[in-house]
C-alpha cells in the first residue's frame, strides 16, 4: 500500500531536485523517498545514541574508539 504525499518546496530546492533528477536519470519521487528514508534513519540513530550515552559513559566508553575496542 502506498500513500501519496504532496510537498511544497522553495523554488531553489525544486530546481536543484529537478537538475539532480535529470543528472542521475532518476525520478524525483525516488530521490525524495530515498532522502526521507536516510533522514529518518539518521534521526532515529541520533535519538538512540543520545539515550544510550549515559550508559556508555557509565561503562567507560567515551569515544567511538572505546566502543570499537570493546567489540573487536
PDB file of N, CA and C in Angstrom:
ATOM      1  N   UNK A   1       0.830  -1.168   0.000  1.00  0.00           N
ATOM      2  CA  UNK A   1       0.000   0.000   0.000  1.00  0.00           C
ATOM      3  C   UNK A   1       0.884   1.244   0.000  1.00  0.00           C
ATOM      4  N   UNK A   2       0.533   2.212  -0.750  1.00  0.00           N
ATOM      5  CA  UNK A   2       1.288   3.453  -0.837  1.00  0.00           C
ATOM      6  C   UNK A   2       0.407   4.629  -0.457  1.00  0.00           C
ATOM      7  N   UNK A   3       1.046   5.645   0.053  1.00  0.00           N
ATOM      8  CA  UNK A   3       0.353   6.894   0.360  1.00  0.00           C
ATOM      9  C   UNK A   3       0.950   7.977  -0.528  1.00  0.00           C
ATOM     10  N   UNK A   4       0.122   8.823  -1.034  1.00  0.00           N
ATOM     11  CA  UNK A   4       0.574   9.926  -1.864  1.00  0.00           C
ATOM     12  C   UNK A   4       0.734  11.142  -0.966  1.00  0.00           C
ATOM     13  N   UNK A   5       1.862  11.832  -1.127  1.00  0.00           N
ATOM     14  CA  UNK A   5       2.161  13.000  -0.312  1.00  0.00           C
ATOM     15  C   UNK A   5       2.508  14.152  -1.243  1.00  0.00           C
ATOM     16  N   UNK A   6       1.868  15.249  -1.048  1.00  0.00           N
ATOM     17  CA  UNK A   6       2.158  16.449  -1.830  1.00  0.00           C
ATOM     18  C   UNK A   6       3.050  17.343  -0.981  1.00  0.00           C
ATOM     19  N   UNK A   7       4.166  17.785  -1.549  1.00  0.00           N
ATOM     20  CA  UNK A   7       5.126  18.593  -0.802  1.00  0.00           C
ATOM     21  C   UNK A   7       5.381  19.894  -1.542  1.00  0.00           C
ATOM     22  N   UNK A   8       5.368  20.968  -0.808  1.00  0.00           N
ATOM     23  CA  UNK A   8       5.689  22.272  -1.379  1.00  0.00           C
ATOM     24  C   UNK A   8       7.157  22.574  -1.084  1.00  0.00           C
ATOM     25  N   UNK A   9       7.914  22.903  -2.135  1.00  0.00           N
ATOM     26  CA  UNK A   9       9.337  23.194  -1.977  1.00  0.00           C
ATOM     27  C   UNK A   9       9.626  24.631  -2.387  1.00  0.00           C
ATOM     28  N   UNK A  10      10.617  25.239  -1.750  1.00  0.00           N
ATOM     29  CA  UNK A  10      11.064  26.540  -2.238  1.00  0.00           C
ATOM     30  C   UNK A  10      11.593  26.377  -3.671  1.00  0.00           C
ATOM     31  N   UNK A  11      11.466  27.411  -4.474  1.00  0.00           N
ATOM     32  CA  UNK A  11      11.860  27.340  -5.881  1.00  0.00           C
ATOM     33  C   UNK A  11      13.279  26.815  -6.078  1.00  0.00           C
ATOM     34  N   UNK A  12      14.221  27.335  -5.301  1.00  0.00           N
ATOM     35  CA  UNK A  12      15.621  26.918  -5.464  1.00  0.00           C
ATOM     36  C   UNK A  12      15.785  25.421  -5.229  1.00  0.00           C
ATOM     37  N   UNK A  13      15.158  24.916  -4.185  1.00  0.00           N
ATOM     38  CA  UNK A  13      15.257  23.492  -3.878  1.00  0.00           C
ATOM     39  C   UNK A  13      14.580  22.658  -4.965  1.00  0.00           C
ATOM     40  N   UNK A  14      13.461  23.132  -5.466  1.00  0.00           N
ATOM     41  CA  UNK A  14      12.763  22.423  -6.547  1.00  0.00           C
ATOM     42  C   UNK A  14      13.636  22.365  -7.799  1.00  0.00           C
ATOM     43  N   UNK A  15      14.330  23.459  -8.110  1.00  0.00           N
ATOM     44  CA  UNK A  15      15.228  23.460  -9.278  1.00  0.00           C
ATOM     45  C   UNK A  15      16.394  22.510  -9.072  1.00  0.00           C
ATOM     46  N   UNK A  16      16.941  22.496  -7.858  1.00  0.00           N
ATOM     47  CA  UNK A  16      18.051  21.582  -7.553  1.00  0.00           C
ATOM     48  C   UNK A  16      17.611  20.134  -7.670  1.00  0.00           C
ATOM     49  N   UNK A  17      16.425  19.837  -7.182  1.00  0.00           N
ATOM     50  CA  UNK A  17      15.893  18.477  -7.271  1.00  0.00           C
ATOM     51  C   UNK A  17      15.687  18.083  -8.725  1.00  0.00           C
ATOM     52  N   UNK A  18      15.117  18.967  -9.501  1.00  0.00           N
ATOM     53  CA  UNK A  18      14.884  18.706 -10.920  1.00  0.00           C
ATOM     54  C   UNK A  18      16.205  18.461 -11.650  1.00  0.00           C
ATOM     55  N   UNK A  19      17.199  19.301 -11.397  1.00  0.00           N
ATOM     56  CA  UNK A  19      18.507  19.144 -12.039  1.00  0.00           C
ATOM     57  C   UNK A  19      19.168  17.829 -11.635  1.00  0.00           C
ATOM     58  N   UNK A  20      19.081  17.500 -10.347  1.00  0.00           N
ATOM     59  CA  UNK A  20      19.687  16.248  -9.874  1.00  0.00           C
ATOM     60  C   UNK A  20      19.000  15.041 -10.494  1.00  0.00           C
ATOM     61  N   UNK A  21      17.696  15.098 -10.598  1.00  0.00           N
ATOM     62  CA  UNK A  21      16.945  14.007 -11.219  1.00  0.00           C
ATOM     63  C   UNK A  21      17.385  13.812 -12.673  1.00  0.00           C
ATOM     64  N   UNK A  22      17.548  14.907 -13.391  1.00  0.00           N
ATOM     65  CA  UNK A  22      17.998  14.807 -14.786  1.00  0.00           C
ATOM     66  C   UNK A  22      19.418  14.273 -14.875  1.00  0.00           C
ATOM     67  N   UNK A  23      20.306  14.767 -14.006  1.00  0.00           N
ATOM     68  CA  UNK A  23      21.708  14.310 -13.999  1.00  0.00           C
ATOM     69  C   UNK A  23      21.824  12.812 -13.756  1.00  0.00           C
ATOM     70  N   UNK A  24      21.013  12.317 -12.855  1.00  0.00           N
ATOM     71  CA  UNK A  24      21.132  10.918 -12.433  1.00  0.00           C
ATOM     72  C   UNK A  24      20.188   9.976 -13.165  1.00  0.00           C
ATOM     73  N   UNK A  25      19.257  10.547 -13.939  1.00  0.00           N
ATOM     74  CA  UNK A  25      18.304   9.709 -14.656  1.00  0.00           C
ATOM     75  C   UNK A  25      17.279   9.058 -13.735  1.00  0.00           C
ATOM     76  N   UNK A  26      17.066   9.632 -12.597  1.00  0.00           N
ATOM     77  CA  UNK A  26      16.094   9.091 -11.637  1.00  0.00           C
ATOM     78  C   UNK A  26      14.909  10.021 -11.563  1.00  0.00           C
ATOM     79  N   UNK A  27      13.795   9.511 -11.057  1.00  0.00           N
ATOM     80  CA  UNK A  27      12.650  10.410 -10.909  1.00  0.00           C
ATOM     81  C   UNK A  27      12.681  11.075  -9.535  1.00  0.00           C
ATOM     82  N   UNK A  28      12.020  12.194  -9.442  1.00  0.00           N
ATOM     83  CA  UNK A  28      12.051  12.998  -8.212  1.00  0.00           C
ATOM     84  C   UNK A  28      11.471  12.243  -7.024  1.00  0.00           C
ATOM     85  N   UNK A  29      10.445  11.464  -7.250  1.00  0.00           N
ATOM     86  CA  UNK A  29       9.839  10.715  -6.140  1.00  0.00           C
ATOM     87  C   UNK A  29      10.841   9.756  -5.516  1.00  0.00           C
ATOM     88  N   UNK A  30      11.612   9.065  -6.346  1.00  0.00           N
ATOM     89  CA  UNK A  30      12.617   8.136  -5.813  1.00  0.00           C
ATOM     90  C   UNK A  30      13.672   8.869  -4.995  1.00  0.00           C
ATOM     91  N   UNK A  31      14.102  10.022  -5.491  1.00  0.00           N
ATOM     92  CA  UNK A  31      15.122  10.803  -4.777  1.00  0.00           C
ATOM     93  C   UNK A  31      14.583  11.283  -3.431  1.00  0.00           C
ATOM     94  N   UNK A  32      13.363  11.806  -3.430  1.00  0.00           N
ATOM     95  CA  UNK A  32      12.761  12.294  -2.186  1.00  0.00           C
ATOM     96  C   UNK A  32      12.533  11.133  -1.226  1.00  0.00           C
ATOM     97  N   UNK A  33      12.067  10.000  -1.721  1.00  0.00           N
ATOM     98  CA  UNK A  33      11.830   8.816  -0.875  1.00  0.00           C
ATOM     99  C   UNK A  33      13.141   8.360  -0.235  1.00  0.00           C
ATOM    100  N   UNK A  34      14.194   8.272  -1.030  1.00  0.00           N
ATOM    101  CA  UNK A  34      15.491   7.849  -0.504  1.00  0.00           C
ATOM    102  C   UNK A  34      16.024   8.858   0.512  1.00  0.00           C
ATOM    103  N   UNK A  35      15.867  10.138   0.210  1.00  0.00           N
ATOM    104  CA  UNK A  35      16.337  11.186   1.117  1.00  0.00           C
ATOM    105  C   UNK A  35      15.593  11.145   2.444  1.00  0.00           C
ATOM    106  N   UNK A  36      14.285  10.978   2.396  1.00  0.00           N
ATOM    107  CA  UNK A  36      13.484  10.918   3.610  1.00  0.00           C
ATOM    108  C   UNK A  36      13.828   9.681   4.438  1.00  0.00           C
ATOM    109  N   UNK A  37      14.030   8.565   3.772  1.00  0.00           N
ATOM    110  CA  UNK A  37      14.420   7.339   4.465  1.00  0.00           C
ATOM    111  C   UNK A  37      15.734   7.538   5.211  1.00  0.00           C
ATOM    112  N   UNK A  38      16.709   8.141   4.539  1.00  0.00           N
ATOM    113  CA  UNK A  38      18.002   8.392   5.166  1.00  0.00           C
ATOM    114  C   UNK A  38      17.871   9.381   6.318  1.00  0.00           C
ATOM    115  N   UNK A  39      17.096  10.437   6.126  1.00  0.00           N
ATOM    116  CA  UNK A  39      16.891  11.434   7.175  1.00  0.00           C
ATOM    117  C   UNK A  39      16.276  10.793   8.424  1.00  0.00           C
ATOM    118  N   UNK A  40      15.237   9.984   8.231  1.00  0.00           N
ATOM    119  CA  UNK A  40      14.572   9.342   9.370  1.00  0.00           C
ATOM    120  C   UNK A  40      15.495   8.351  10.071  1.00  0.00           C
ATOM    121  N   UNK A  41      16.302   7.609   9.294  1.00  0.00           N
ATOM    122  CA  UNK A  41      17.260   6.668   9.879  1.00  0.00           C
ATOM    123  C   UNK A  41      18.264   7.426  10.743  1.00  0.00           C
ATOM    124  N   UNK A  42      18.800   8.534  10.220  1.00  0.00           N
ATOM    125  CA  UNK A  42      19.771   9.326  10.971  1.00  0.00           C
ATOM    126  C   UNK A  42      19.146   9.935  12.224  1.00  0.00           C
ATOM    127  N   UNK A  43      17.905  10.392  12.126  1.00  0.00           N
ATOM    128  CA  UNK A  43      17.225  10.963  13.293  1.00  0.00           C
ATOM    129  C   UNK A  43      17.029   9.902  14.376  1.00  0.00           C
ATOM    130  N   UNK A  44      16.628   8.693  13.973  1.00  0.00           N
ATOM    131  CA  UNK A  44      16.468   7.601  14.954  1.00  0.00           C
ATOM    132  C   UNK A  44      17.812   7.249  15.577  1.00  0.00           C
ATOM    133  N   UNK A  45      18.859   7.205  14.760  1.00  0.00           N
ATOM    134  CA  UNK A  45      20.196   6.879  15.253  1.00  0.00           C
ATOM    135  C   UNK A  45      20.661   7.912  16.279  1.00  0.00           C
ATOM    136  N   UNK A  46      20.481   9.200  15.968  1.00  0.00           N
ATOM    137  CA  UNK A  46      20.889  10.256  16.897  1.00  0.00           C
ATOM    138  C   UNK A  46      20.115  10.174  18.200  1.00  0.00           C
ATOM    139  N   UNK A  47      18.804   9.901  18.106  1.00  0.00           N
ATOM    140  CA  UNK A  47      17.981   9.794  19.308  1.00  0.00           C
ATOM    141  C   UNK A  47      18.452   8.615  20.160  1.00  0.00           C
ATOM    142  N   UNK A  48      18.706   7.475  19.541  1.00  0.00           N
ATOM    143  CA  UNK A  48      19.173   6.299  20.272  1.00  0.00           C
ATOM    144  C   UNK A  48      20.545   6.542  20.888  1.00  0.00           C
ATOM    145  N   UNK A  49      21.401   7.185  20.127  1.00  0.00           N
ATOM    146  CA  UNK A  49      22.737   7.485  20.634  1.00  0.00           C
ATOM    147  C   UNK A  49      22.652   8.370  21.876  1.00  0.00           C
ATOM    148  N   UNK A  50      21.766   9.359  21.834  1.00  0.00           N
ATOM    149  CA  UNK A  50      21.585  10.252  22.974  1.00  0.00           C
ATOM    150  C   UNK A  50      21.049   9.493  24.194  1.00  0.00           C
ATOM    151  N   UNK A  51      20.127   8.556  23.953  1.00  0.00           N
ATOM    152  CA  UNK A  51      19.556   7.772  25.047  1.00  0.00           C
ATOM    153  C   UNK A  51      20.598   6.848  25.672  1.00  0.00           C
ATOM    154  N   UNK A  52      21.500   6.322  24.848  1.00  0.00           N
ATOM    155  CA  UNK A  52      22.484   5.356  25.341  1.00  0.00           C
ATOM    156  C   UNK A  52      23.745   5.993  25.916  1.00  0.00           C
ATOM    157  N   UNK A  53      23.940   7.277  25.643  1.00  0.00           N
ATOM    158  CA  UNK A  53      25.159   7.964  26.089  1.00  0.00           C
ATOM    159  C   UNK A  53      25.411   7.809  27.589  1.00  0.00           C
ATOM    160  N   UNK A  54      24.407   7.989  28.468  1.00  0.00           N
ATOM    161  CA  UNK A  54      24.689   7.830  29.910  1.00  0.00           C
ATOM    162  C   UNK A  54      25.164   6.414  30.269  1.00  0.00           C
ATOM    163  N   UNK A  55      24.611   5.415  29.618  1.00  0.00           N
ATOM    164  CA  UNK A  55      25.022   4.031  29.907  1.00  0.00           C
ATOM    165  C   UNK A  55      26.442   3.777  29.418  1.00  0.00           C
ATOM    166  N   UNK A  56      26.769   4.336  28.262  1.00  0.00           N
ATOM    167  CA  UNK A  56      28.123   4.175  27.716  1.00  0.00           C
ATOM    168  C   UNK A  56      29.138   4.881  28.618  1.00  0.00           C
ATOM    169  N   UNK A  57      28.774   6.071  29.050  1.00  0.00           N
ATOM    170  CA  UNK A  57      29.671   6.836  29.915  1.00  0.00           C
ATOM    171  C   UNK A  57      29.925   6.078  31.214  1.00  0.00           C
ATOM    172  N   UNK A  58      28.867   5.491  31.751  1.00  0.00           N
ATOM    173  CA  UNK A  58      28.985   4.714  32.991  1.00  0.00           C
ATOM    174  C   UNK A  58      29.905   3.511  32.803  1.00  0.00           C
ATOM    175  N   UNK A  59      29.892   2.953  31.587  1.00  0.00           N
ATOM    176  CA  UNK A  59      30.733   1.793  31.277  1.00  0.00           C
ATOM    177  C   UNK A  59      32.144   2.206  30.859  1.00  0.00           C
ATOM    178  N   UNK A  60      32.414   3.515  30.846  1.00  0.00           N
ATOM    179  CA  UNK A  60      33.748   3.990  30.491  1.00  0.00           C
ATOM    180  C   UNK A  60      33.978   4.123  28.997  1.00  0.00           C
ATOM    181  N   UNK A  61      32.909   4.120  28.243  1.00  0.00           N
ATOM    182  CA  UNK A  61      33.019   4.247  26.791  1.00  0.00           C
ATOM    183  C   UNK A  61      32.761   5.705  26.424  1.00  0.00           C
ATOM    184  N   UNK A  62      33.838   6.446  26.220  1.00  0.00           N
ATOM    185  CA  UNK A  62      33.711   7.880  25.988  1.00  0.00           C
ATOM    186  C   UNK A  62      33.814   8.250  24.506  1.00  0.00           C
ATOM    187  N   UNK A  63      34.509   7.440  23.726  1.00  0.00           N
ATOM    188  CA  UNK A  63      34.713   7.755  22.317  1.00  0.00           C
ATOM    189  C   UNK A  63      34.281   6.575  21.452  1.00  0.00           C
ATOM    190  N   UNK A  64      34.173   6.816  20.175  1.00  0.00           N
ATOM    191  CA  UNK A  64      33.861   5.715  19.252  1.00  0.00           C
ATOM    192  C   UNK A  64      34.984   4.686  19.249  1.00  0.00           C
ATOM    193  N   UNK A  65      36.217   5.142  19.465  1.00  0.00           N
ATOM    194  CA  UNK A  65      37.344   4.215  19.535  1.00  0.00           C
ATOM    195  C   UNK A  65      37.197   3.265  20.720  1.00  0.00           C
ATOM    196  N   UNK A  66      36.691   3.792  21.848  1.00  0.00           N
ATOM    197  CA  UNK A  66      36.448   2.950  23.022  1.00  0.00           C
ATOM    198  C   UNK A  66      35.448   1.848  22.691  1.00  0.00           C
ATOM    199  N   UNK A  67      34.388   2.215  21.993  1.00  0.00           N
ATOM    200  CA  UNK A  67      33.362   1.244  21.610  1.00  0.00           C
ATOM    201  C   UNK A  67      33.965   0.215  20.674  1.00  0.00           C
ATOM    202  N   UNK A  68      34.720   0.666  19.697  1.00  0.00           N
ATOM    203  CA  UNK A  68      35.337  -0.241  18.730  1.00  0.00           C
ATOM    204  C   UNK A  68      36.258  -1.240  19.428  1.00  0.00           C
ATOM    205  N   UNK A  69      37.046  -0.752  20.391  1.00  0.00           N
ATOM    206  CA  UNK A  69      37.943  -1.653  21.124  1.00  0.00           C
ATOM    207  C   UNK A  69      37.167  -2.711  21.887  1.00  0.00           C
ATOM    208  N   UNK A  70      36.009  -2.350  22.437  1.00  0.00           N
ATOM    209  CA  UNK A  70      35.208  -3.291  23.194  1.00  0.00           C
ATOM    210  C   UNK A  70      34.588  -4.375  22.321  1.00  0.00           C
ATOM    211  N   UNK A  71      34.223  -4.033  21.095  1.00  0.00           N
ATOM    212  CA  UNK A  71      33.560  -5.014  20.250  1.00  0.00           C
ATOM    213  C   UNK A  71      34.505  -5.762  19.342  1.00  0.00           C
ATOM    214  N   UNK A  72      35.765  -5.345  19.296  1.00  0.00           N
ATOM    215  CA  UNK A  72      36.740  -6.012  18.425  1.00  0.00           C
ATOM    216  C   UNK A  72      37.354  -7.211  19.104  1.00  0.00           C
TER     217      UNK A  72
END
